[in-house]
Protein backbone atom coordinates (compact mmCIF):
# COMPACT_ATOMS: atom_id res chain seq x y z
CA MET A 1 0.25 0.18 0.22
CA LEU A 2 1.42 3.14 -0.99
CA LYS A 3 0.06 6.12 1.09
CA GLN A 4 2.44 8.72 0.06
CA GLY A 5 4.17 10.32 -3.00
CA LEU A 6 2.84 10.50 -6.62
CA LEU A 7 -0.49 8.35 -5.72
CA LYS A 8 -1.46 10.06 -2.58
CA GLY A 9 -4.06 12.71 -2.76
CA THR A 10 -5.26 14.85 0.03
CA ALA A 11 -8.16 12.13 1.68
CA ILE A 12 -7.42 9.42 -0.64
CA TYR A 13 -4.57 7.42 -2.13
CA LEU A 14 -4.71 5.06 -5.16
CA ASP A 15 -3.84 1.70 -4.68
CA ALA A 16 -3.58 -1.50 -6.49
CA MET A 17 -7.11 -3.01 -6.56
CA GLN A 18 -7.00 -6.44 -4.94
CA GLU A 19 -9.11 -9.57 -5.47
CA SER A 20 -10.54 -8.99 -2.03
CA ASP A 21 -12.04 -5.81 -2.99
CA LEU A 22 -14.32 -7.48 -5.55
CA GLN A 23 -17.05 -8.37 -3.08
CA ILE A 24 -17.58 -4.64 -2.34
CA VAL A 25 -17.35 -3.77 -6.22
CA THR A 26 -19.77 -6.51 -7.22
CA SER A 27 -22.23 -4.86 -4.47
CA TRP A 28 -21.78 -1.52 -6.36
CA TYR A 29 -22.49 -3.18 -9.88
CA GLY A 30 -26.03 -4.33 -8.15
CA ALA A 31 -26.80 -0.47 -7.59
CA SER A 32 -28.96 1.05 -10.43
CA ASP A 33 -28.10 4.45 -9.89
CA PHE A 34 -24.42 3.46 -9.83
CA LEU A 35 -24.83 1.70 -13.13
CA ARG A 36 -26.56 4.46 -15.00
CA HIS A 37 -23.78 6.86 -14.19
CA LEU A 38 -21.20 4.76 -15.09
CA ASP A 39 -22.10 2.81 -18.35
CA ALA A 40 -24.50 2.95 -21.36
CA ILE A 41 -25.16 -0.81 -20.95
CA PRO A 42 -28.55 -2.24 -19.69
CA ALA A 43 -28.64 -1.38 -15.78
CA ALA A 44 -28.58 -4.86 -14.70
CA PRO A 45 -26.80 -6.57 -11.63
CA GLN A 46 -23.35 -8.01 -12.44
CA SER A 47 -22.15 -11.56 -11.06
CA PRO A 48 -19.21 -12.21 -8.88
CA GLU A 49 -17.74 -14.04 -11.91
CA LYS A 50 -18.10 -11.35 -14.54
CA ILE A 51 -16.50 -8.55 -11.75
CA ARG A 52 -13.83 -11.19 -11.65
CA ASP A 53 -13.36 -11.43 -15.18
CA TRP A 54 -13.33 -7.82 -15.54
CA TYR A 55 -10.91 -7.11 -12.65
CA LYS A 56 -8.57 -9.93 -14.32
CA ASN A 57 -8.83 -8.15 -17.75
CA ARG A 58 -8.16 -5.16 -16.52
CA ILE A 59 -4.89 -5.86 -13.97
CA ASN A 60 -3.25 -8.19 -17.14
CA GLN A 61 -3.74 -5.41 -19.59
CA GLN A 62 -0.48 -3.66 -21.01
CA ASN A 63 -2.22 -0.22 -22.21
CA GLY A 64 -4.17 0.66 -19.13
CA PHE A 65 -3.88 0.92 -15.35
CA LEU A 66 -6.66 0.52 -12.54
CA PHE A 67 -6.20 1.59 -9.18
CA ALA A 68 -8.68 1.59 -6.02
CA VAL A 69 -9.54 4.57 -4.50
CA ARG A 70 -8.65 4.29 -0.55
CA HIS A 71 -9.60 6.66 2.29
CA GLN A 72 -6.52 7.59 3.87
CA ASP A 73 -7.60 7.39 7.39
CA ASP A 74 -8.98 3.81 7.31
CA ASP A 75 -8.02 2.61 3.88
CA ARG A 76 -11.73 1.64 2.93
CA LEU A 77 -12.49 1.46 -0.60
CA LEU A 78 -14.16 4.30 -2.01
CA GLY A 79 -14.24 3.52 -5.82
CA TYR A 80 -11.64 3.13 -8.77
CA VAL A 81 -10.21 4.89 -11.20
CA GLU A 82 -8.69 3.74 -14.60
CA LEU A 83 -6.66 4.91 -17.38
CA ASP A 84 -7.79 2.55 -20.15
CA SER A 85 -7.08 2.17 -23.91
CA ILE A 86 -3.90 3.98 -23.64
CA LEU A 87 -2.41 4.67 -27.05
CA TRP A 88 1.37 4.91 -26.28
CA SER A 89 2.30 6.35 -29.51
CA HIS A 90 -0.14 9.05 -29.35
CA GLN A 91 0.24 9.69 -25.57
CA VAL A 92 -3.62 9.58 -25.22
CA SER A 93 -5.78 7.71 -22.71
CA TRP A 94 -9.47 7.27 -21.82
CA LEU A 95 -10.47 7.96 -18.26
CA VAL A 96 -12.83 6.11 -15.76
CA ILE A 97 -13.95 7.15 -12.38
CA ALA A 98 -16.42 5.57 -10.17
CA ILE A 99 -17.22 6.37 -6.66
CA GLY A 100 -19.11 3.36 -5.22
CA GLU A 101 -21.45 4.27 -2.70
CA GLU A 102 -23.64 7.18 -2.87
CA SER A 103 -22.87 8.40 0.59
CA ASP A 104 -19.31 9.04 -0.61
CA ARG A 105 -20.29 11.08 -3.49
CA GLY A 106 -20.29 14.62 -3.24
CA LYS A 107 -17.82 14.78 -0.47
CA GLY A 108 -14.49 15.59 -2.77
CA TYR A 109 -13.10 11.90 -3.02
CA GLY A 110 -13.94 11.68 -6.80
CA ARG A 111 -11.92 15.34 -7.00
CA ASP A 112 -8.99 14.46 -5.04
CA ALA A 113 -8.72 10.86 -7.09
CA LEU A 114 -8.99 12.51 -10.31
CA ASN A 115 -6.25 15.30 -9.63
CA THR A 116 -4.25 12.29 -8.38
CA LEU A 117 -4.98 10.27 -11.44
CA LEU A 118 -3.91 13.33 -13.59
CA ARG A 119 -0.89 13.63 -11.81
CA PHE A 120 0.19 10.34 -12.61
CA ALA A 121 -0.97 10.23 -15.70
CA PHE A 122 1.13 13.43 -17.07
CA ASP A 123 4.05 13.54 -14.67
CA GLU A 124 4.68 9.82 -14.73
CA LEU A 125 3.65 8.05 -17.70
CA ASN A 126 4.25 11.41 -19.81
CA LEU A 127 0.62 11.37 -21.62
CA ARG A 128 -0.21 14.31 -23.64
CA ARG A 129 -4.02 13.60 -23.50
CA ILE A 130 -6.94 12.39 -21.18
CA GLN A 131 -10.13 11.87 -22.40
CA LEU A 132 -13.76 10.64 -21.43
CA THR A 133 -17.13 10.82 -21.98
CA VAL A 134 -20.17 11.30 -19.71
CA PHE A 135 -23.98 11.42 -19.73
CA ALA A 136 -25.56 14.86 -19.79
CA TYR A 137 -27.69 14.02 -17.00
CA ASN A 138 -24.81 13.30 -14.69
CA LYS A 139 -24.52 16.93 -13.88
CA GLY A 140 -22.12 16.44 -10.75
CA ALA A 141 -19.59 14.50 -13.02
CA VAL A 142 -19.95 17.35 -15.66
CA HIS A 143 -19.34 20.10 -13.13
CA LEU A 144 -16.51 18.12 -11.61
CA TYR A 145 -14.96 17.55 -15.21
CA GLU A 146 -15.22 21.04 -16.17
CA SER A 147 -13.84 22.08 -12.96
CA LEU A 148 -10.97 20.41 -13.40
CA GLY A 149 -10.05 22.13 -16.66
CA PHE A 150 -11.70 19.60 -19.18
CA LEU A 151 -13.10 20.91 -22.33
CA ARG A 152 -16.23 19.29 -23.94
CA GLU A 153 -15.23 18.75 -27.24
CA GLY A 154 -18.69 17.02 -28.66
CA THR A 155 -21.71 15.66 -27.90
CA PHE A 156 -23.15 12.49 -29.20
CA ARG A 157 -27.01 13.54 -29.57
CA LYS A 158 -29.43 11.36 -27.85
CA PHE A 159 -27.00 8.62 -27.69
CA LEU A 160 -28.34 7.09 -24.62
CA HIS A 161 -32.09 5.67 -24.15
CA ARG A 162 -33.05 5.51 -20.30
CA ASP A 163 -36.43 5.54 -18.88
CA GLY A 164 -38.43 6.32 -22.11
CA ASP A 165 -36.11 9.33 -23.04
CA TYR A 166 -33.03 9.91 -24.99
CA HIS A 167 -29.94 11.75 -23.39
CA ASP A 168 -26.95 13.10 -24.78
CA MET A 169 -23.27 11.85 -24.08
CA TYR A 170 -20.58 14.34 -23.95
CA LEU A 171 -16.57 13.99 -24.94
CA TYR A 172 -14.38 15.72 -22.67
CA GLY A 173 -10.54 16.19 -23.16
CA LEU A 174 -7.80 17.78 -21.46
CA LEU A 175 -4.43 18.68 -22.48
CA ARG A 176 -1.23 18.36 -20.24
CA GLN A 177 -0.45 22.00 -21.15
CA GLU A 178 -4.09 22.84 -20.08
CA TRP A 179 -3.53 21.13 -16.90
CA GLN A 180 -0.38 22.53 -15.88
CA ALA A 181 -1.67 26.10 -16.62
CA MET A 182 -4.22 25.42 -13.85
């Protein structure tokens, strides 16, 4: 467990996700609200086997990093962050963030985790661009990304069908020099 240095935030630290964390992650993937903000797939509970397969795929990939987000005071698992599908020759990565429990959202853990992950991405990995997508109805995440300097670069109009309505999905990007200027 690395509670200092590059992977240490203000209230959180980024750590290797462990197989022992998967029971908690599986419980998050059983919560409709969590799923509806994270992914475009139908919001249906995921089995422990499917979560284990996801985890094994992520930790064995050569073009990504998966980190557990843990609270500094008690090492409690708050969520995870991921740099995914890194294109090394272009210095570009997709970003994923998930704060598991609704009671932990809106407390600054996501901001802290993203700041820590961006420092790792730009300073350690020498990436040039980080990008992500977010559903327009996820107002808290949209506000967070914009406050961290991400720019909305595109809109996938009426991309997602949920609850009888269509919703836009936004593409955001952040360049290293924009992040350094903040």
